[in-house]
PDB file of all heavy atoms in Angstrom:
ATOM      1  N   LEU A   1     -31.477-139.846  41.361  1.00  0.00           N
ATOM      2  CA  LEU A   1     -30.669-138.581  41.156  1.00  0.00           C
ATOM      3  C   LEU A   1     -31.427-137.577  40.366  1.00  0.00           C
ATOM      4  O   LEU A   1     -31.033-136.347  40.396  1.00  0.00           O
ATOM      5  CB  LEU A   1     -29.406-138.912  40.464  1.00  0.00           C
ATOM      6  CG  LEU A   1     -28.497-140.010  41.107  1.00  0.00           C
ATOM      7  CD1 LEU A   1     -27.266-140.237  40.313  1.00  0.00           C
ATOM      8  CD2 LEU A   1     -28.072-139.466  42.521  1.00  0.00           C
ATOM      9  N   GLY A   2     -32.491-137.968  39.613  1.00  0.00           N
ATOM     10  CA  GLY A   2     -33.277-137.093  38.830  1.00  0.00           C
ATOM     11  C   GLY A   2     -34.453-136.445  39.420  1.00  0.00           C
ATOM     12  O   GLY A   2     -35.252-135.894  38.577  1.00  0.00           O
ATOM     13  N   LYS A   3     -34.788-136.731  40.660  1.00  0.00           N
ATOM     14  CA  LYS A   3     -36.114-136.315  41.211  1.00  0.00           C
ATOM     15  C   LYS A   3     -36.073-134.694  41.061  1.00  0.00           C
ATOM     16  O   LYS A   3     -35.218-134.132  41.451  1.00  0.00           O
ATOM     17  CB  LYS A   3     -36.173-136.734  42.667  1.00  0.00           C
ATOM     18  CG  LYS A   3     -36.487-138.239  42.835  1.00  0.00           C
ATOM     19  CD  LYS A   3     -36.619-138.633  44.179  1.00  0.00           C
ATOM     20  CE  LYS A   3     -36.826-140.171  44.312  1.00  0.00           C
ATOM     21  NZ  LYS A   3     -36.960-140.566  45.725  1.00  0.00           N
ATOM     22  N   GLY A   4     -37.190-134.293  40.626  1.00  0.00           N
ATOM     23  CA  GLY A   4     -37.351-132.885  40.448  1.00  0.00           C
ATOM     24  C   GLY A   4     -36.838-132.372  39.110  1.00  0.00           C
ATOM     25  O   GLY A   4     -37.011-131.163  38.914  1.00  0.00           O
ATOM     26  N   GLY A   5     -36.365-133.153  38.297  1.00  0.00           N
ATOM     27  CA  GLY A   5     -35.806-132.756  36.999  1.00  0.00           C
ATOM     28  C   GLY A   5     -34.663-131.839  37.118  1.00  0.00           C
ATOM     29  O   GLY A   5     -33.858-131.937  38.049  1.00  0.00           O
ATOM     30  N   ASN A   6     -34.621-130.851  36.258  1.00  0.00           N
ATOM     31  CA  ASN A   6     -33.486-129.856  36.246  1.00  0.00           C
ATOM     32  C   ASN A   6     -33.750-128.804  37.228  1.00  0.00           C
ATOM     33  O   ASN A   6     -34.730-128.001  37.140  1.00  0.00           O
ATOM     34  CB  ASN A   6     -33.290-129.280  34.782  1.00  0.00           C
ATOM     35  CG  ASN A   6     -32.868-130.205  33.915  1.00  0.00           C
ATOM     36  OD1 ASN A   6     -32.113-131.171  34.103  1.00  0.00           O
ATOM     37  ND2 ASN A   6     -33.437-130.199  32.649  1.00  0.00           N
ATOM     38  N   THR A   7     -33.070-128.837  38.377  1.00  0.00           N
ATOM     39  CA  THR A   7     -33.402-127.874  39.475  1.00  0.00           C
ATOM     40  C   THR A   7     -32.545-126.679  39.649  1.00  0.00           C
ATOM     41  O   THR A   7     -32.942-125.814  40.415  1.00  0.00           O
ATOM     42  CB  THR A   7     -33.338-128.808  40.661  1.00  0.00           C
ATOM     43  OG1 THR A   7     -31.908-129.048  41.054  1.00  0.00           O
ATOM     44  CG2 THR A   7     -34.322-129.936  40.754  1.00  0.00           C
ATOM     45  N   GLY A   8     -31.342-126.704  39.113  1.00  0.00           N
ATOM     46  CA  GLY A   8     -30.372-125.740  39.525  1.00  0.00           C
ATOM     47  C   GLY A   8     -29.787-126.166  40.809  1.00  0.00           C
ATOM     48  O   GLY A   8     -30.139-127.213  41.408  1.00  0.00           O
ATOM     49  N   PRO A   9     -28.749-125.388  41.426  1.00  0.00           N
ATOM     50  CA  PRO A   9     -28.197-125.817  42.667  1.00  0.00           C
ATOM     51  C   PRO A   9     -29.242-125.916  43.793  1.00  0.00           C
ATOM     52  O   PRO A   9     -29.953-124.946  44.049  1.00  0.00           O
ATOM     53  CB  PRO A   9     -27.129-124.713  43.040  1.00  0.00           C
ATOM     54  CG  PRO A   9     -27.706-123.516  42.212  1.00  0.00           C
ATOM     55  CD  PRO A   9     -28.353-123.964  40.980  1.00  0.00           C
ATOM     56  N   LEU A  10     -29.155-127.089  44.442  1.00  0.00           N
ATOM     57  CA  LEU A  10     -30.169-127.391  45.411  1.00  0.00           C
ATOM     58  C   LEU A  10     -29.729-128.605  46.161  1.00  0.00           C
ATOM     59  O   LEU A  10     -28.946-129.411  45.657  1.00  0.00           O
ATOM     60  CB  LEU A  10     -31.634-127.776  44.750  1.00  0.00           C
ATOM     61  CG  LEU A  10     -32.708-128.154  45.615  1.00  0.00           C
ATOM     62  CD1 LEU A  10     -33.146-127.002  46.430  1.00  0.00           C
ATOM     63  CD2 LEU A  10     -33.935-128.626  44.757  1.00  0.00           C
ATOM     64  N   ILE A  11     -30.103-128.771  47.402  1.00  0.00           N
ATOM     65  CA  ILE A  11     -29.762-129.922  48.283  1.00  0.00           C
ATOM     66  C   ILE A  11     -31.052-130.641  48.766  1.00  0.00           C
ATOM     67  O   ILE A  11     -31.779-129.930  49.329  1.00  0.00           O
ATOM     68  CB  ILE A  11     -28.882-129.476  49.477  1.00  0.00           C
ATOM     69  CG1 ILE A  11     -27.588-128.832  49.049  1.00  0.00           C
ATOM     70  CG2 ILE A  11     -28.578-130.641  50.364  1.00  0.00           C
ATOM     71  CD1 ILE A  11     -26.910-128.119  50.147  1.00  0.00           C
ATOM     72  N   VAL A  12     -31.194-131.837  48.487  1.00  0.00           N
ATOM     73  CA  VAL A  12     -32.342-132.624  48.922  1.00  0.00           C
ATOM     74  C   VAL A  12     -31.858-133.867  49.680  1.00  0.00           C
ATOM     75  O   VAL A  12     -31.202-134.698  49.085  1.00  0.00           O
ATOM     76  CB  VAL A  12     -33.183-133.083  47.666  1.00  0.00           C
ATOM     77  CG1 VAL A  12     -34.346-134.024  48.248  1.00  0.00           C
ATOM     78  CG2 VAL A  12     -33.677-131.891  46.895  1.00  0.00           C
ATOM     79  N   GLY A  13     -32.189-133.921  50.960  1.00  0.00           N
ATOM     80  CA  GLY A  13     -31.698-135.028  51.771  1.00  0.00           C
ATOM     81  C   GLY A  13     -32.478-136.416  51.573  1.00  0.00           C
ATOM     82  O   GLY A  13     -33.566-136.399  50.958  1.00  0.00           O
ATOM     83  N   TYR A  14     -31.887-137.442  52.056  1.00  0.00           N
ATOM     84  CA  TYR A  14     -32.491-138.721  51.997  1.00  0.00           C
ATOM     85  C   TYR A  14     -32.109-139.624  53.146  1.00  0.00           C
ATOM     86  O   TYR A  14     -31.086-139.320  53.798  1.00  0.00           O
ATOM     87  CB  TYR A  14     -32.220-139.425  50.650  1.00  0.00           C
ATOM     88  CG  TYR A  14     -30.761-139.769  50.401  1.00  0.00           C
ATOM     89  CD1 TYR A  14     -30.197-140.937  50.978  1.00  0.00           C
ATOM     90  CD2 TYR A  14     -29.899-138.818  49.685  1.00  0.00           C
ATOM     91  CE1 TYR A  14     -28.802-141.143  50.813  1.00  0.00           C
ATOM     92  CE2 TYR A  14     -28.570-139.106  49.530  1.00  0.00           C
ATOM     93  CZ  TYR A  14     -27.988-140.242  50.088  1.00  0.00           C
ATOM     94  OH  TYR A  14     -26.661-140.557  49.937  1.00  0.00           O
ATOM     95  N   GLU A  15     -32.855-140.694  53.463  1.00  0.00           N
ATOM     96  CA  GLU A  15     -32.591-141.688  54.317  1.00  0.00           C
ATOM     97  C   GLU A  15     -32.588-143.017  53.596  1.00  0.00           C
ATOM     98  O   GLU A  15     -33.075-143.085  52.392  1.00  0.00           O
ATOM     99  CB  GLU A  15     -33.507-141.606  55.624  1.00  0.00           C
ATOM    100  CG  GLU A  15     -33.366-140.444  56.338  1.00  0.00           C
ATOM    101  CD  GLU A  15     -32.070-140.430  57.234  1.00  0.00           C
ATOM    102  OE1 GLU A  15     -31.231-141.291  57.217  1.00  0.00           O
ATOM    103  OE2 GLU A  15     -31.882-139.337  58.070  1.00  0.00           O
ATOM    104  N   LEU A  16     -32.111-144.084  54.227  1.00  0.00           N
ATOM    105  CA  LEU A  16     -32.019-145.350  53.687  1.00  0.00           C
ATOM    106  C   LEU A  16     -33.346-145.944  53.068  1.00  0.00           C
ATOM    107  O   LEU A  16     -33.307-146.531  51.934  1.00  0.00           O
ATOM    108  CB  LEU A  16     -31.399-146.424  54.632  1.00  0.00           C
ATOM    109  CG  LEU A  16     -31.245-147.852  54.156  1.00  0.00           C
ATOM    110  CD1 LEU A  16     -30.247-147.827  53.023  1.00  0.00           C
ATOM    111  CD2 LEU A  16     -30.645-148.714  55.300  1.00  0.00           C
ATOM    112  N   PRO A  17     -34.498-145.774  53.745  1.00  0.00           N
ATOM    113  CA  PRO A  17     -35.688-146.349  53.142  1.00  0.00           C
ATOM    114  C   PRO A  17     -36.086-145.790  51.733  1.00  0.00           C
ATOM    115  O   PRO A  17     -36.590-146.481  50.913  1.00  0.00           O
ATOM    116  CB  PRO A  17     -36.769-145.912  54.188  1.00  0.00           C
ATOM    117  CG  PRO A  17     -36.065-145.821  55.470  1.00  0.00           C
ATOM    118  CD  PRO A  17     -34.733-145.307  55.050  1.00  0.00           C
ATOM    119  N   GLU A  18     -35.757-144.530  51.471  1.00  0.00           N
ATOM    120  CA  GLU A  18     -35.924-143.927  50.186  1.00  0.00           C
ATOM    121  C   GLU A  18     -35.148-144.691  49.044  1.00  0.00           C
ATOM    122  O   GLU A  18     -35.630-144.948  47.926  1.00  0.00           O
ATOM    123  CB  GLU A  18     -35.649-142.436  50.062  1.00  0.00           C
ATOM    124  CG  GLU A  18     -35.917-141.900  48.681  1.00  0.00           C
ATOM    125  CD  GLU A  18     -35.455-140.419  48.652  1.00  0.00           C
ATOM    126  OE1 GLU A  18     -35.185-139.830  49.624  1.00  0.00           O
ATOM    127  OE2 GLU A  18     -35.477-140.015  47.461  1.00  0.00           O
ATOM    128  N   ILE A  19     -33.843-145.088  49.440  1.00  0.00           N
ATOM    129  CA  ILE A  19     -33.101-145.790  48.489  1.00  0.00           C
ATOM    130  C   ILE A  19     -33.648-147.084  48.167  1.00  0.00           C
ATOM    131  O   ILE A  19     -33.846-147.489  46.944  1.00  0.00           O
ATOM    132  CB  ILE A  19     -31.631-145.989  49.007  1.00  0.00           C
ATOM    133  CG1 ILE A  19     -30.981-144.617  49.274  1.00  0.00           C
ATOM    134  CG2 ILE A  19     -30.828-146.764  48.058  1.00  0.00           C
ATOM    135  CD1 ILE A  19     -29.634-144.659  50.035  1.00  0.00           C
ATOM    136  N   ALA A  20     -34.084-147.889  49.175  1.00  0.00           N
ATOM    137  CA  ALA A  20     -34.749-149.156  48.984  1.00  0.00           C
ATOM    138  C   ALA A  20     -36.040-149.005  48.082  1.00  0.00           C
ATOM    139  O   ALA A  20     -36.309-149.819  47.130  1.00  0.00           O
ATOM    140  CB  ALA A  20     -35.082-149.838  50.271  1.00  0.00           C
ATOM    141  N   ASP A  21     -36.892-148.020  48.399  1.00  0.00           N
ATOM    142  CA  ASP A  21     -38.087-147.766  47.713  1.00  0.00           C
ATOM    143  C   ASP A  21     -37.779-147.480  46.262  1.00  0.00           C
ATOM    144  O   ASP A  21     -38.558-147.956  45.362  1.00  0.00           O
ATOM    145  CB  ASP A  21     -38.932-146.635  48.344  1.00  0.00           C
ATOM    146  CG  ASP A  21     -39.483-146.934  49.706  1.00  0.00           C
ATOM    147  OD1 ASP A  21     -39.558-148.147  50.053  1.00  0.00           O
ATOM    148  OD2 ASP A  21     -39.824-146.032  50.451  1.00  0.00           O
ATOM    149  N   ASP A  22     -36.825-146.694  45.933  1.00  0.00           N
ATOM    150  CA  ASP A  22     -36.484-146.333  44.606  1.00  0.00           C
ATOM    151  C   ASP A  22     -35.932-147.488  43.746  1.00  0.00           C
ATOM    152  O   ASP A  22     -36.230-147.722  42.652  1.00  0.00           O
ATOM    153  CB  ASP A  22     -35.484-145.199  44.474  1.00  0.00           C
ATOM    154  CG  ASP A  22     -36.058-143.894  44.950  1.00  0.00           C
ATOM    155  OD1 ASP A  22     -37.367-143.789  45.114  1.00  0.00           O
ATOM    156  OD2 ASP A  22     -35.266-142.901  45.015  1.00  0.00           O
ATOM    157  N   LEU A  23     -35.140-148.350  44.449  1.00  0.00           N
ATOM    158  CA  LEU A  23     -34.764-149.622  43.845  1.00  0.00           C
ATOM    159  C   LEU A  23     -35.843-150.671  43.549  1.00  0.00           C
ATOM    160  O   LEU A  23     -35.948-151.184  42.485  1.00  0.00           O
ATOM    161  CB  LEU A  23     -33.773-150.310  44.737  1.00  0.00           C
ATOM    162  CG  LEU A  23     -32.315-149.704  44.793  1.00  0.00           C
ATOM    163  CD1 LEU A  23     -31.471-150.270  45.970  1.00  0.00           C
ATOM    164  CD2 LEU A  23     -31.519-150.023  43.517  1.00  0.00           C
ATOM    165  N   ASN A  24     -36.880-150.640  44.477  1.00  0.00           N
ATOM    166  CA  ASN A  24     -38.171-151.364  44.166  1.00  0.00           C
ATOM    167  C   ASN A  24     -38.898-150.860  42.974  1.00  0.00           C
ATOM    168  O   ASN A  24     -39.731-151.632  42.430  1.00  0.00           O
ATOM    169  CB  ASN A  24     -38.853-151.420  45.416  1.00  0.00           C
ATOM    170  CG  ASN A  24     -38.454-152.642  46.347  1.00  0.00           C
ATOM    171  OD1 ASN A  24     -38.305-153.776  45.863  1.00  0.00           O
ATOM    172  ND2 ASN A  24     -38.243-152.345  47.672  1.00  0.00           N
ATOM    173  N   GLN A  25     -38.834-149.686  42.707  1.00  0.00           N
ATOM    174  CA  GLN A  25     -39.453-149.109  41.525  1.00  0.00           C
ATOM    175  C   GLN A  25     -38.856-149.724  40.237  1.00  0.00           C
ATOM    176  O   GLN A  25     -39.508-149.779  39.271  1.00  0.00           O
ATOM    177  CB  GLN A  25     -39.361-147.537  41.442  1.00  0.00           C
ATOM    178  CG  GLN A  25     -40.222-146.904  42.459  1.00  0.00           C
ATOM    179  CD  GLN A  25     -40.239-145.351  42.248  1.00  0.00           C
ATOM    180  OE1 GLN A  25     -40.469-144.898  41.209  1.00  0.00           O
ATOM    181  NE2 GLN A  25     -39.958-144.598  43.438  1.00  0.00           N
ATOM    182  N   VAL A  26     -37.579-150.063  40.298  1.00  0.00           N
ATOM    183  CA  VAL A  26     -36.913-150.641  39.179  1.00  0.00           C
ATOM    184  C   VAL A  26     -37.199-152.157  39.092  1.00  0.00           C
ATOM    185  O   VAL A  26     -37.627-152.648  37.975  1.00  0.00           O
ATOM    186  CB  VAL A  26     -35.351-150.425  39.168  1.00  0.00           C
ATOM    187  CG1 VAL A  26     -34.591-151.081  38.087  1.00  0.00           C
ATOM    188  CG2 VAL A  26     -35.024-148.988  39.418  1.00  0.00           C
ATOM    189  N   VAL A  27     -37.107-152.812  40.113  1.00  0.00           N
ATOM    190  CA  VAL A  27     -37.376-154.332  40.263  1.00  0.00           C
ATOM    191  C   VAL A  27     -37.675-154.606  41.697  1.00  0.00           C
ATOM    192  O   VAL A  27     -36.954-154.185  42.547  1.00  0.00           O
ATOM    193  CB  VAL A  27     -36.285-155.104  39.613  1.00  0.00           C
ATOM    194  CG1 VAL A  27     -34.965-155.047  40.378  1.00  0.00           C
ATOM    195  CG2 VAL A  27     -36.696-156.694  39.616  1.00  0.00           C
ATOM    196  N   LYS A  28     -38.774-155.395  41.845  1.00  0.00           N
ATOM    197  CA  LYS A  28     -39.178-155.791  43.277  1.00  0.00           C
ATOM    198  C   LYS A  28     -38.110-156.803  43.822  1.00  0.00           C
ATOM    199  O   LYS A  28     -37.797-157.754  43.149  1.00  0.00           O
ATOM    200  CB  LYS A  28     -40.561-156.385  43.262  1.00  0.00           C
ATOM    201  CG  LYS A  28     -41.684-155.440  42.881  1.00  0.00           C
ATOM    202  CD  LYS A  28     -41.801-154.404  43.847  1.00  0.00           C
ATOM    203  CE  LYS A  28     -43.021-153.392  43.517  1.00  0.00           C
ATOM    204  NZ  LYS A  28     -43.045-152.209  44.498  1.00  0.00           N
ATOM    205  N   TYR A  29     -37.648-156.506  45.061  1.00  0.00           N
ATOM    206  CA  TYR A  29     -36.721-157.268  45.756  1.00  0.00           C
ATOM    207  C   TYR A  29     -36.621-156.827  47.081  1.00  0.00           C
ATOM    208  O   TYR A  29     -37.054-155.719  47.423  1.00  0.00           O
ATOM    209  CB  TYR A  29     -35.358-157.140  44.971  1.00  0.00           C
ATOM    210  CG  TYR A  29     -34.308-158.152  45.434  1.00  0.00           C
ATOM    211  CD1 TYR A  29     -34.429-159.549  45.090  1.00  0.00           C
ATOM    212  CD2 TYR A  29     -33.245-157.869  46.214  1.00  0.00           C
ATOM    213  CE1 TYR A  29     -33.365-160.455  45.376  1.00  0.00           C
ATOM    214  CE2 TYR A  29     -32.246-158.688  46.652  1.00  0.00           C
ATOM    215  CZ  TYR A  29     -32.410-160.026  46.187  1.00  0.00           C
ATOM    216  OH  TYR A  29     -31.395-160.973  46.542  1.00  0.00           O
ATOM    217  N   ASP A  30     -35.974-157.646  48.063  1.00  0.00           N
ATOM    218  CA  ASP A  30     -35.910-157.048  49.337  1.00  0.00           C
ATOM    219  C   ASP A  30     -34.555-156.350  49.509  1.00  0.00           C
ATOM    220  O   ASP A  30     -33.636-156.749  50.065  1.00  0.00           O
ATOM    221  CB  ASP A  30     -35.767-158.394  50.335  1.00  0.00           C
ATOM    222  CG  ASP A  30     -35.862-158.012  51.918  1.00  0.00           C
ATOM    223  OD1 ASP A  30     -35.843-156.751  52.206  1.00  0.00           O
ATOM    224  OD2 ASP A  30     -35.823-158.853  52.663  1.00  0.00           O
ATOM    225  N   TRP A  31     -34.745-155.177  48.865  1.00  0.00           N
ATOM    226  CA  TRP A  31     -33.500-154.248  48.828  1.00  0.00           C
ATOM    227  C   TRP A  31     -33.044-153.714  50.223  1.00  0.00           C
ATOM    228  O   TRP A  31     -31.848-153.599  50.415  1.00  0.00           O
ATOM    229  CB  TRP A  31     -33.798-153.075  47.905  1.00  0.00           C
ATOM    230  CG  TRP A  31     -33.818-153.550  46.442  1.00  0.00           C
ATOM    231  CD1 TRP A  31     -34.998-153.542  45.660  1.00  0.00           C
ATOM    232  CD2 TRP A  31     -32.827-153.929  45.665  1.00  0.00           C
ATOM    233  NE1 TRP A  31     -34.712-153.943  44.443  1.00  0.00           N
ATOM    234  CE2 TRP A  31     -33.347-154.270  44.420  1.00  0.00           C
ATOM    235  CE3 TRP A  31     -31.496-154.095  45.969  1.00  0.00           C
ATOM    236  CZ2 TRP A  31     -32.591-154.605  43.355  1.00  0.00           C
ATOM    237  CZ3 TRP A  31     -30.593-154.609  44.826  1.00  0.00           C
ATOM    238  CH2 TRP A  31     -31.268-154.832  43.569  1.00  0.00           C
ATOM    239  N   LEU A  32     -33.982-153.544  51.221  1.00  0.00           N
ATOM    240  CA  LEU A  32     -33.649-153.085  52.431  1.00  0.00           C
ATOM    241  C   LEU A  32     -32.579-154.093  53.153  1.00  0.00           C
ATOM    242  O   LEU A  32     -31.539-153.694  53.702  1.00  0.00           O
ATOM    243  CB  LEU A  32     -34.809-152.688  53.229  1.00  0.00           C
ATOM    244  CG  LEU A  32     -34.495-151.859  54.432  1.00  0.00           C
ATOM    245  CD1 LEU A  32     -33.906-150.465  54.021  1.00  0.00           C
ATOM    246  CD2 LEU A  32     -35.793-151.552  55.316  1.00  0.00           C
ATOM    247  N   THR A  33     -33.033-155.372  53.072  1.00  0.00           N
ATOM    248  CA  THR A  33     -32.261-156.447  53.548  1.00  0.00           C
ATOM    249  C   THR A  33     -30.854-156.433  52.843  1.00  0.00           C
ATOM    250  O   THR A  33     -29.883-156.684  53.491  1.00  0.00           O
ATOM    251  CB  THR A  33     -32.925-157.696  53.666  1.00  0.00           C
ATOM    252  OG1 THR A  33     -34.110-157.668  54.514  1.00  0.00           O
ATOM    253  CG2 THR A  33     -32.027-158.873  54.182  1.00  0.00           C
ATOM    254  N   PHE A  34     -30.933-156.460  51.544  1.00  0.00           N
ATOM    255  CA  PHE A  34     -29.779-156.490  50.803  1.00  0.00           C
ATOM    256  C   PHE A  34     -28.781-155.512  51.094  1.00  0.00           C
ATOM    257  O   PHE A  34     -27.548-155.750  51.324  1.00  0.00           O
ATOM    258  CB  PHE A  34     -30.174-156.309  49.175  1.00  0.00           C
ATOM    259  CG  PHE A  34     -29.054-156.182  48.265  1.00  0.00           C
ATOM    260  CD1 PHE A  34     -28.551-157.245  47.672  1.00  0.00           C
ATOM    261  CD2 PHE A  34     -28.502-154.879  48.108  1.00  0.00           C
ATOM    262  CE1 PHE A  34     -27.516-157.060  46.708  1.00  0.00           C
ATOM    263  CE2 PHE A  34     -27.420-154.647  47.134  1.00  0.00           C
ATOM    264  CZ  PHE A  34     -26.988-155.793  46.466  1.00  0.00           C
ATOM    265  N   LEU A  35     -29.203-154.231  51.353  1.00  0.00           N
ATOM    266  CA  LEU A  35     -28.303-153.124  51.724  1.00  0.00           C
ATOM    267  C   LEU A  35     -27.818-153.312  53.146  1.00  0.00           C
ATOM    268  O   LEU A  35     -26.556-153.169  53.445  1.00  0.00           O
ATOM    269  CB  LEU A  35     -28.953-151.822  51.484  1.00  0.00           C
ATOM    270  CG  LEU A  35     -29.348-151.414  50.132  1.00  0.00           C
ATOM    271  CD1 LEU A  35     -30.332-150.273  50.133  1.00  0.00           C
ATOM    272  CD2 LEU A  35     -28.201-151.278  49.312  1.00  0.00           C
TER     273      LEU A  35
END
């Protein structure tokens, strides 16, 4: 949620792989399968 820091009003899209990648930055796990 904090990518880009303080941006002002802005819309940044995402797909499922980005969510799994960001979770893996927190702790390694098969997050894509989990989801």
